[in-house]
Amino acid sequence: MTEVILKKQRPKHLALNEIRLPLPGIVSILHRVSGVGLFLMLPLLLSLFGSSVGSPESYASYKAVVGNPLVKLLLLGLLWAYMHHFCAGIRFLLLDMHKGIELAAARNSARLVLIVSLTLTVLLGVKLW
């Protein structure tokens, strides 16, 4: 008896640029990225907070640092990271309670997380800028 073994043609490398994630997958990855970003920027945020409440001289240096457009852009990115992480965290808590686990509801809640987090970022960014 001859045995015919069919080998699957599998790629030798994973082409990340060809993978198309569904929207809930993108929200999940952004939730992780925003959490890491917030954690890594914690020393910067604590130093900014410390300089803002220390003394009038340190507050003046705080205003000079935060007045820089690049720092404002960085803080706007951190604001989005916080808003997204917060909104996606609520979504994941609801999913853990088995609310909205159907495909359509999961897609809608992922879309809602993106819309709400971006809207809150724009509103608070305009208010703070």
Foldseek 3Di string as FASTA:
>chain_A
DDDDDDDDDDDPDDDPVPDDDALLVVLVVLLVVLVVVCVVCVVVVVVLVCLCPPDPVSVVVSCVVCVDPVNLVVVLVNQLSVLSNVLVVVVVVCVVVVHQPDPVSSNVSSVVSVVRSVVVSVVVSVVVD
